[in-house]
N, C-alpha and C. Protein backbone atom coordinates (compact mmCIF):
# COMPACT_ATOMS: atom_id res chain seq x y z
N MET A 1 186.53 214.81 134.10
CA MET A 1 187.01 213.81 134.96
C MET A 1 186.56 212.09 134.46
N SER A 2 187.43 211.54 134.26
CA SER A 2 186.99 210.13 133.74
C SER A 2 187.15 209.17 134.58
N GLU A 3 188.11 209.53 135.45
CA GLU A 3 188.42 208.17 136.24
C GLU A 3 187.87 208.07 137.62
N GLU A 4 187.47 207.24 138.30
CA GLU A 4 186.48 207.14 139.63
C GLU A 4 187.49 207.66 140.79
N PHE A 5 186.69 208.46 141.78
CA PHE A 5 187.27 209.00 142.81
C PHE A 5 187.34 207.91 143.91
N SER A 6 188.26 207.25 143.96
CA SER A 6 188.35 205.86 144.67
C SER A 6 188.42 206.43 146.24
N HIS A 7 188.95 207.71 146.49
CA HIS A 7 188.91 208.09 147.87
C HIS A 7 187.77 208.57 148.58
N GLY A 8 187.07 208.62 147.90
CA GLY A 8 185.53 209.49 148.23
C GLY A 8 184.63 208.61 148.85
N TYR A 9 183.99 209.12 150.23
CA TYR A 9 182.96 208.65 150.91
C TYR A 9 181.93 209.29 151.42
N ALA A 10 180.85 209.03 151.28
CA ALA A 10 179.65 209.72 151.84
C ALA A 10 178.55 209.16 152.48
N LEU A 11 177.95 209.97 153.53
CA LEU A 11 176.80 209.52 153.87
C LEU A 11 175.72 210.54 154.04
N LEU A 12 174.61 210.17 153.04
CA LEU A 12 173.67 211.27 152.93
C LEU A 12 172.28 210.89 153.50
N ILE A 13 172.02 211.75 154.40
CA ILE A 13 170.69 211.60 155.25
C ILE A 13 169.52 212.26 154.69
N GLY A 14 168.39 211.76 154.61
CA GLY A 14 167.28 212.81 154.32
C GLY A 14 166.28 212.10 154.84
N VAL A 15 165.86 212.94 156.16
CA VAL A 15 164.76 212.35 157.03
C VAL A 15 163.58 211.93 156.40
N GLY A 16 163.09 213.10 155.46
CA GLY A 16 161.79 212.87 154.76
C GLY A 16 160.55 212.52 155.49
N GLU A 17 160.02 211.26 155.35
CA GLU A 17 159.19 211.07 156.30
C GLU A 17 159.53 210.63 157.55
N SER A 18 158.52 211.15 158.53
CA SER A 18 159.04 210.97 159.91
C SER A 18 157.93 209.99 160.32
N ALA A 19 158.44 209.09 161.69
CA ALA A 19 157.25 208.15 162.10
C ALA A 19 156.15 209.30 162.73
N TYR A 20 156.56 210.47 163.29
CA TYR A 20 155.65 211.69 163.57
C TYR A 20 155.38 212.32 162.43
N PRO A 21 154.20 212.05 161.72
CA PRO A 21 153.83 212.76 160.26
C PRO A 21 153.95 214.14 160.28
N ARG A 22 153.57 214.74 161.23
CA ARG A 22 153.95 216.38 161.36
C ARG A 22 155.18 216.85 161.20
N LEU A 23 156.29 215.93 161.41
CA LEU A 23 157.86 216.24 161.19
C LEU A 23 158.06 216.00 159.67
N SER A 24 157.44 215.55 159.12
CA SER A 24 157.90 214.60 157.63
C SER A 24 158.07 216.13 156.50
N LEU A 25 159.07 215.79 156.14
CA LEU A 25 159.90 217.00 154.95
C LEU A 25 160.10 216.05 153.88
N PRO A 26 159.42 215.82 152.88
CA PRO A 26 159.66 214.98 151.77
C PRO A 26 160.62 215.58 150.84
N VAL A 27 160.74 217.17 150.86
CA VAL A 27 161.75 217.42 150.04
C VAL A 27 163.39 217.07 150.46
N THR A 28 163.57 216.56 151.48
CA THR A 28 164.80 216.31 152.16
C THR A 28 165.30 214.91 151.14
N VAL A 29 164.45 214.14 150.97
CA VAL A 29 164.81 213.02 149.90
C VAL A 29 165.25 213.34 148.68
N LYS A 30 164.50 214.64 147.97
CA LYS A 30 164.80 215.21 146.65
C LYS A 30 166.40 215.68 146.92
N ASP A 31 166.87 216.24 147.96
CA ASP A 31 168.05 216.88 148.42
C ASP A 31 169.17 215.72 148.23
N THR A 32 168.78 214.69 148.76
CA THR A 32 169.92 213.42 149.02
C THR A 32 170.20 212.97 147.67
N GLN A 33 168.83 212.84 146.72
CA GLN A 33 169.02 212.36 145.37
C GLN A 33 169.81 213.00 144.45
N ALA A 34 169.61 214.33 144.66
CA ALA A 34 170.32 215.02 143.88
C ALA A 34 171.97 215.42 143.97
N ILE A 35 172.38 215.22 145.38
CA ILE A 35 173.71 215.08 145.92
C ILE A 35 174.26 213.61 145.43
N TYR A 36 173.56 212.64 145.60
CA TYR A 36 173.99 211.33 145.20
C TYR A 36 174.17 211.39 143.54
N ALA A 37 173.38 212.04 142.86
CA ALA A 37 173.39 212.03 141.48
C ALA A 37 174.82 212.88 141.25
N ALA A 38 175.25 214.02 141.77
CA ALA A 38 176.36 214.71 141.47
C ALA A 38 177.65 214.11 141.96
N LEU A 39 177.42 213.01 143.14
CA LEU A 39 178.53 212.40 143.61
C LEU A 39 178.92 211.28 142.69
N ILE A 40 177.97 210.71 142.15
CA ILE A 40 178.41 209.43 140.98
C ILE A 40 178.76 209.85 139.98
N ASP A 41 178.28 211.01 139.45
CA ASP A 41 178.64 211.51 137.78
C ASP A 41 180.02 211.39 137.59
N PRO A 42 180.42 210.92 136.73
CA PRO A 42 181.79 210.75 136.29
C PRO A 42 182.47 212.12 135.83
N GLU A 43 181.37 213.03 135.48
CA GLU A 43 182.03 214.19 134.92
C GLU A 43 182.01 215.38 136.23
N LEU A 44 181.61 214.94 137.36
CA LEU A 44 181.66 215.81 138.50
C LEU A 44 182.39 215.34 139.64
N CYS A 45 182.06 214.24 140.50
CA CYS A 45 182.92 213.74 141.79
C CYS A 45 183.23 212.58 141.52
N ALA A 46 182.77 211.57 140.76
CA ALA A 46 182.96 210.32 140.60
C ALA A 46 183.23 209.26 141.62
N TYR A 47 182.54 209.74 142.74
CA TYR A 47 182.59 208.70 143.77
C TYR A 47 182.09 207.25 143.19
N ALA A 48 182.67 206.17 143.92
CA ALA A 48 182.35 204.79 143.79
C ALA A 48 181.04 204.77 144.23
N LYS A 49 180.00 204.08 143.69
CA LYS A 49 178.46 204.10 144.48
C LYS A 49 178.45 203.17 145.60
N ASP A 50 179.50 201.99 145.85
CA ASP A 50 179.52 201.52 146.98
C ASP A 50 180.23 202.29 148.30
N HIS A 51 180.83 203.53 147.78
CA HIS A 51 181.30 204.57 148.92
C HIS A 51 180.41 205.43 149.34
N ILE A 52 179.03 205.22 148.96
CA ILE A 52 178.05 206.23 149.29
C ILE A 52 176.97 205.61 149.95
N ARG A 53 176.46 205.59 151.29
CA ARG A 53 175.44 205.33 152.13
C ARG A 53 174.33 206.23 151.81
N VAL A 54 173.06 206.09 151.68
CA VAL A 54 172.20 206.86 151.38
C VAL A 54 170.84 206.42 152.52
N LEU A 55 170.51 207.23 153.31
CA LEU A 55 169.49 206.97 154.43
C LEU A 55 168.25 207.83 154.14
N ASN A 56 167.23 207.38 153.45
CA ASN A 56 166.20 208.20 153.42
C ASN A 56 164.98 207.65 153.89
N ASN A 57 163.89 208.63 154.38
CA ASN A 57 162.88 208.13 155.03
C ASN A 57 162.96 207.17 156.08
N GLU A 58 162.20 206.01 156.35
CA GLU A 58 162.39 205.01 157.47
C GLU A 58 163.63 204.36 157.70
N GLU A 59 164.70 204.73 156.66
CA GLU A 59 166.05 204.30 156.96
C GLU A 59 166.86 205.10 157.89
N ALA A 60 166.19 206.51 157.69
CA ALA A 60 167.01 207.46 158.68
C ALA A 60 166.82 207.40 160.16
N THR A 61 167.13 206.53 160.82
CA THR A 61 166.88 206.21 161.95
C THR A 61 168.16 206.48 162.70
N ARG A 62 168.06 206.65 164.23
CA ARG A 62 169.23 206.94 165.02
C ARG A 62 170.40 206.09 164.96
N ASP A 63 169.97 204.96 165.13
CA ASP A 63 170.86 203.77 164.95
C ASP A 63 171.71 203.62 163.45
N LYS A 64 170.84 203.58 162.60
CA LYS A 64 171.34 203.66 161.17
C LYS A 64 172.21 204.95 160.95
N ILE A 65 172.02 206.03 161.15
CA ILE A 65 172.79 207.02 161.35
C ILE A 65 174.17 207.11 161.78
N LEU A 66 174.01 206.42 163.30
CA LEU A 66 175.15 206.39 163.73
C LEU A 66 176.12 204.90 163.16
N ASP A 67 175.38 204.05 162.61
CA ASP A 67 176.06 202.94 162.02
C ASP A 67 176.80 203.39 160.81
N GLY A 68 176.17 204.53 160.30
CA GLY A 68 176.71 204.97 158.96
C GLY A 68 177.99 205.86 159.23
N LEU A 69 178.14 206.44 160.57
CA LEU A 69 179.22 207.29 160.77
C LEU A 69 180.15 206.34 161.16
N LYS A 70 179.78 205.32 161.59
CA LYS A 70 180.80 204.07 162.13
C LYS A 70 181.30 203.65 160.92
N TRP A 71 180.94 203.62 159.92
CA TRP A 71 181.34 203.06 158.55
C TRP A 71 182.06 204.00 157.94
N LEU A 72 181.91 204.95 157.96
CA LEU A 72 182.94 206.28 157.85
C LEU A 72 184.18 206.02 158.33
N GLN A 73 184.14 205.99 159.75
CA GLN A 73 185.34 205.98 160.40
C GLN A 73 186.10 204.83 160.19
N GLU A 74 185.38 203.60 160.00
CA GLU A 74 186.22 202.42 159.54
C GLU A 74 186.78 202.87 158.03
N SER A 75 186.08 203.24 157.22
CA SER A 75 186.47 203.62 155.88
C SER A 75 187.95 204.34 156.04
N ALA A 76 187.60 205.36 156.53
CA ALA A 76 188.96 206.49 156.70
C ALA A 76 190.16 205.75 157.65
N ASN A 77 189.86 204.77 158.50
CA ASN A 77 190.86 203.96 159.02
C ASN A 77 191.59 203.13 158.12
N THR A 78 190.95 202.55 157.14
CA THR A 78 191.36 201.94 156.03
C THR A 78 192.02 202.47 155.09
N ASP A 79 191.52 203.72 154.54
CA ASP A 79 191.97 204.68 153.33
C ASP A 79 192.69 205.91 154.14
N LYS A 80 193.70 205.93 154.11
CA LYS A 80 194.52 207.12 154.87
C LYS A 80 194.01 208.26 153.68
N GLU A 81 194.00 208.08 152.61
CA GLU A 81 193.47 209.36 151.76
C GLU A 81 192.11 209.69 151.69
N ALA A 82 191.41 208.96 152.48
CA ALA A 82 189.90 209.50 152.63
C ALA A 82 189.11 210.56 152.44
N THR A 83 188.45 211.20 151.58
CA THR A 83 187.46 212.43 151.96
C THR A 83 186.35 212.08 152.09
N ILE A 84 185.94 212.43 153.29
CA ILE A 84 184.63 212.09 153.87
C ILE A 84 183.62 213.09 153.59
N PHE A 85 182.24 212.78 153.31
CA PHE A 85 181.09 213.91 153.02
C PHE A 85 180.02 213.40 154.07
N VAL A 86 179.53 214.14 154.74
CA VAL A 86 178.34 214.08 155.56
C VAL A 86 177.36 214.92 155.18
N TYR A 87 176.13 214.72 154.81
CA TYR A 87 174.80 215.60 154.48
C TYR A 87 173.77 215.10 155.15
N TYR A 88 173.13 215.95 156.12
CA TYR A 88 172.01 215.66 156.78
C TYR A 88 170.74 216.63 156.44
N SER A 89 169.78 216.31 155.58
CA SER A 89 168.70 217.04 155.37
C SER A 89 167.47 216.51 156.12
N GLY A 90 167.06 217.67 157.23
CA GLY A 90 166.17 217.35 158.01
C GLY A 90 165.55 218.39 158.90
N HIS A 91 164.99 217.86 159.95
CA HIS A 91 164.60 219.02 161.09
C HIS A 91 165.86 218.98 161.95
N GLY A 92 165.92 220.44 162.72
CA GLY A 92 166.89 220.39 163.90
C GLY A 92 166.00 220.80 164.98
N TRP A 93 166.38 220.72 166.22
CA TRP A 93 165.43 221.15 167.18
C TRP A 93 166.43 221.80 168.34
N LEU A 94 166.17 222.68 168.83
CA LEU A 94 166.79 223.45 169.93
C LEU A 94 165.93 223.15 171.25
N ASN A 95 166.34 222.49 172.14
CA ASN A 95 165.86 222.54 173.50
C ASN A 95 165.81 223.56 174.20
N LYS A 96 164.87 224.38 174.51
CA LYS A 96 164.97 225.68 175.21
C LYS A 96 165.20 225.58 176.43
N ASP A 97 164.66 224.29 177.17
CA ASP A 97 165.05 223.95 178.50
C ASP A 97 166.49 223.81 179.01
N ASP A 98 167.39 223.20 178.20
CA ASP A 98 168.69 223.00 178.55
C ASP A 98 169.80 223.88 177.34
N ASN A 99 169.01 224.29 176.25
CA ASN A 99 169.89 224.87 175.14
C ASN A 99 170.60 223.84 174.44
N ARG A 100 170.35 222.95 174.39
CA ARG A 100 170.90 221.59 173.53
C ARG A 100 170.33 221.68 172.13
N TYR A 101 170.96 221.23 171.19
CA TYR A 101 170.49 220.91 169.91
C TYR A 101 170.50 219.53 169.57
N TYR A 102 169.67 219.24 168.59
CA TYR A 102 169.36 217.59 168.21
C TYR A 102 168.97 217.86 166.69
N LEU A 103 169.20 216.65 166.08
CA LEU A 103 168.70 216.22 164.79
C LEU A 103 167.51 215.41 164.99
N LEU A 104 166.42 215.67 164.59
CA LEU A 104 165.19 214.69 164.64
C LEU A 104 165.17 213.99 163.46
N GLN A 105 165.63 212.34 163.60
CA GLN A 105 165.76 211.52 162.97
C GLN A 105 164.08 210.45 162.63
N HIS A 106 163.98 209.81 161.71
CA HIS A 106 162.82 209.19 161.19
C HIS A 106 162.00 208.58 162.44
N ASP A 107 162.89 207.99 163.49
CA ASP A 107 162.41 207.40 164.67
C ASP A 107 162.28 208.30 165.70
N ILE A 108 162.04 209.25 165.67
CA ILE A 108 161.79 210.25 166.83
C ILE A 108 160.44 209.91 167.72
N LYS A 109 160.68 210.00 169.10
CA LYS A 109 159.37 210.05 169.81
C LYS A 109 159.39 211.51 170.51
N VAL A 110 158.22 212.09 169.66
CA VAL A 110 157.81 213.31 170.16
C VAL A 110 157.70 213.75 171.55
N ARG A 111 157.10 212.63 172.34
CA ARG A 111 157.18 212.78 173.94
C ARG A 111 158.26 212.41 174.37
N GLU A 112 159.33 212.00 173.71
CA GLU A 112 160.45 211.95 174.59
C GLU A 112 161.60 212.37 173.85
N MET A 113 161.33 213.72 173.37
CA MET A 113 162.26 214.01 172.29
C MET A 113 163.81 214.25 172.72
N PRO A 114 164.31 214.55 174.03
CA PRO A 114 165.64 214.63 174.25
C PRO A 114 166.34 213.44 174.57
N ALA A 115 165.29 212.65 174.82
CA ALA A 115 165.96 211.13 174.95
C ALA A 115 166.01 210.19 173.78
N SER A 116 165.25 210.23 172.71
CA SER A 116 165.06 209.76 171.65
C SER A 116 165.86 210.35 170.08
N ALA A 117 166.13 211.62 170.34
CA ALA A 117 166.49 212.48 169.05
C ALA A 117 168.14 212.24 169.11
N LEU A 118 168.63 212.67 168.03
CA LEU A 118 170.28 212.47 168.17
C LEU A 118 170.88 213.81 168.41
N SER A 119 171.42 213.84 169.72
CA SER A 119 172.17 215.03 170.11
C SER A 119 173.03 215.53 169.41
N ALA A 120 173.25 216.87 169.30
CA ALA A 120 174.67 217.40 168.59
C ALA A 120 175.84 216.73 169.16
N GLU A 121 175.84 216.36 170.50
CA GLU A 121 177.20 216.14 171.29
C GLU A 121 177.28 214.60 170.83
N VAL A 122 176.63 213.65 170.70
CA VAL A 122 176.47 212.41 170.06
C VAL A 122 176.97 212.41 168.57
N PHE A 123 176.27 213.28 167.93
CA PHE A 123 176.76 213.35 166.15
C PHE A 123 178.15 213.81 166.40
N THR A 124 178.24 214.81 167.05
CA THR A 124 179.75 215.42 166.98
C THR A 124 180.81 214.43 167.49
N GLU A 125 180.63 213.69 168.33
CA GLU A 125 181.58 212.72 168.99
C GLU A 125 181.78 211.65 167.96
N ALA A 126 180.83 211.29 167.38
CA ALA A 126 180.93 210.15 166.04
C ALA A 126 181.89 210.95 164.95
N LEU A 127 181.53 211.95 164.84
CA LEU A 127 182.74 212.70 163.74
C LEU A 127 183.79 212.89 164.13
N ARG A 128 184.19 213.03 165.23
CA ARG A 128 185.53 213.30 165.88
C ARG A 128 186.27 211.91 165.70
N GLN A 129 185.46 210.86 165.78
CA GLN A 129 185.93 209.41 165.58
C GLN A 129 186.63 209.27 164.15
N ILE A 130 186.29 210.14 163.18
CA ILE A 130 186.46 209.76 161.85
C ILE A 130 188.09 210.40 161.43
N PRO A 131 188.94 209.63 161.24
CA PRO A 131 190.43 210.01 161.27
C PRO A 131 190.82 210.79 159.82
N ALA A 132 189.60 211.29 159.00
CA ALA A 132 189.97 211.84 157.89
C ALA A 132 190.66 213.18 157.96
N GLU A 133 191.68 213.62 157.11
CA GLU A 133 192.34 214.95 157.06
C GLU A 133 191.10 215.77 156.29
N ARG A 134 189.99 215.19 155.37
CA ARG A 134 189.17 215.86 154.80
C ARG A 134 187.86 215.57 155.19
N LEU A 135 187.37 216.21 156.05
CA LEU A 135 185.90 215.82 156.35
C LEU A 135 184.83 217.06 156.27
N LEU A 136 183.77 216.93 155.18
CA LEU A 136 182.89 218.09 155.13
C LEU A 136 181.70 217.38 155.74
N VAL A 137 181.12 218.48 156.53
CA VAL A 137 179.66 217.77 157.13
C VAL A 137 178.72 219.24 156.53
N VAL A 138 177.65 218.94 156.37
CA VAL A 138 176.60 219.68 155.92
C VAL A 138 175.29 219.35 156.60
N ILE A 139 174.74 220.30 157.25
CA ILE A 139 173.54 220.26 158.01
C ILE A 139 172.61 221.20 157.43
N ASP A 140 171.65 220.60 156.89
CA ASP A 140 170.65 221.38 156.13
C ASP A 140 169.21 221.18 157.08
N SER A 141 169.20 222.25 158.21
CA SER A 141 168.11 222.02 158.98
C SER A 141 168.13 223.38 159.83
N CYS A 142 166.62 223.49 160.50
CA CYS A 142 166.63 224.48 161.48
C CYS A 142 167.70 224.82 162.55
N HIS A 143 167.84 225.75 163.15
CA HIS A 143 169.17 225.99 164.45
C HIS A 143 170.22 225.29 164.20
N ALA A 144 170.74 225.38 162.84
CA ALA A 144 172.13 224.21 162.61
C ALA A 144 173.29 224.85 163.11
N ALA A 145 173.27 226.39 163.40
CA ALA A 145 174.06 226.72 164.16
C ALA A 145 174.10 225.84 165.39
N GLY A 146 173.52 225.34 165.83
CA GLY A 146 173.67 224.49 167.12
C GLY A 146 174.49 223.43 167.34
N MET A 147 174.90 223.02 166.10
CA MET A 147 175.97 221.81 165.61
C MET A 147 177.13 222.37 165.85
N ALA A 148 177.35 223.69 165.40
CA ALA A 148 179.01 224.08 165.19
C ALA A 148 179.69 223.96 166.39
N THR A 149 180.72 223.12 166.00
CA THR A 149 181.79 222.82 167.05
C THR A 149 183.09 222.55 166.33
N SER A 150 184.14 222.66 166.90
CA SER A 150 185.57 222.26 166.44
C SER A 150 185.78 220.97 166.49
N LYS A 151 186.38 220.12 165.36
CA LYS A 151 187.00 218.72 165.27
C LYS A 151 187.81 218.56 166.74
N ASP A 152 188.56 219.57 166.86
CA ASP A 152 189.50 219.51 167.97
C ASP A 152 189.07 219.97 169.36
N PRO A 153 189.24 219.14 170.58
CA PRO A 153 188.65 219.39 171.45
C PRO A 153 189.27 220.89 172.11
């Protein structure tokens, strides 16, 4: 493969360092770096570098993740042949009080987990707004099965 894959777009999220140190997972940054390297490799995926957003450590905030998903939505609106890839590596949390699932981004407030974490509902709704025919989402976290819902309502 020698020509660039101009229809590929990716959002890679590696929470790594957390504002709450006990939740830090440095290996997640290595995951996103390895995936980024594969995506831009002209012999593998050949994505354009400007079609990939990487949010590692302090950049992996709730707002920046949602902004990244909005960017993917806009990219898919502009490019009808878009292939979208979203990768999240970090902690997941299942709230046993209400059985709801959350992604724990960098700026989590531990004493306000349900209010400050990125809920599966909000994340999934943002994904549903991406009009791509090819959308691949990989969640590398504990309790990731809590994210499983269909794109169609």
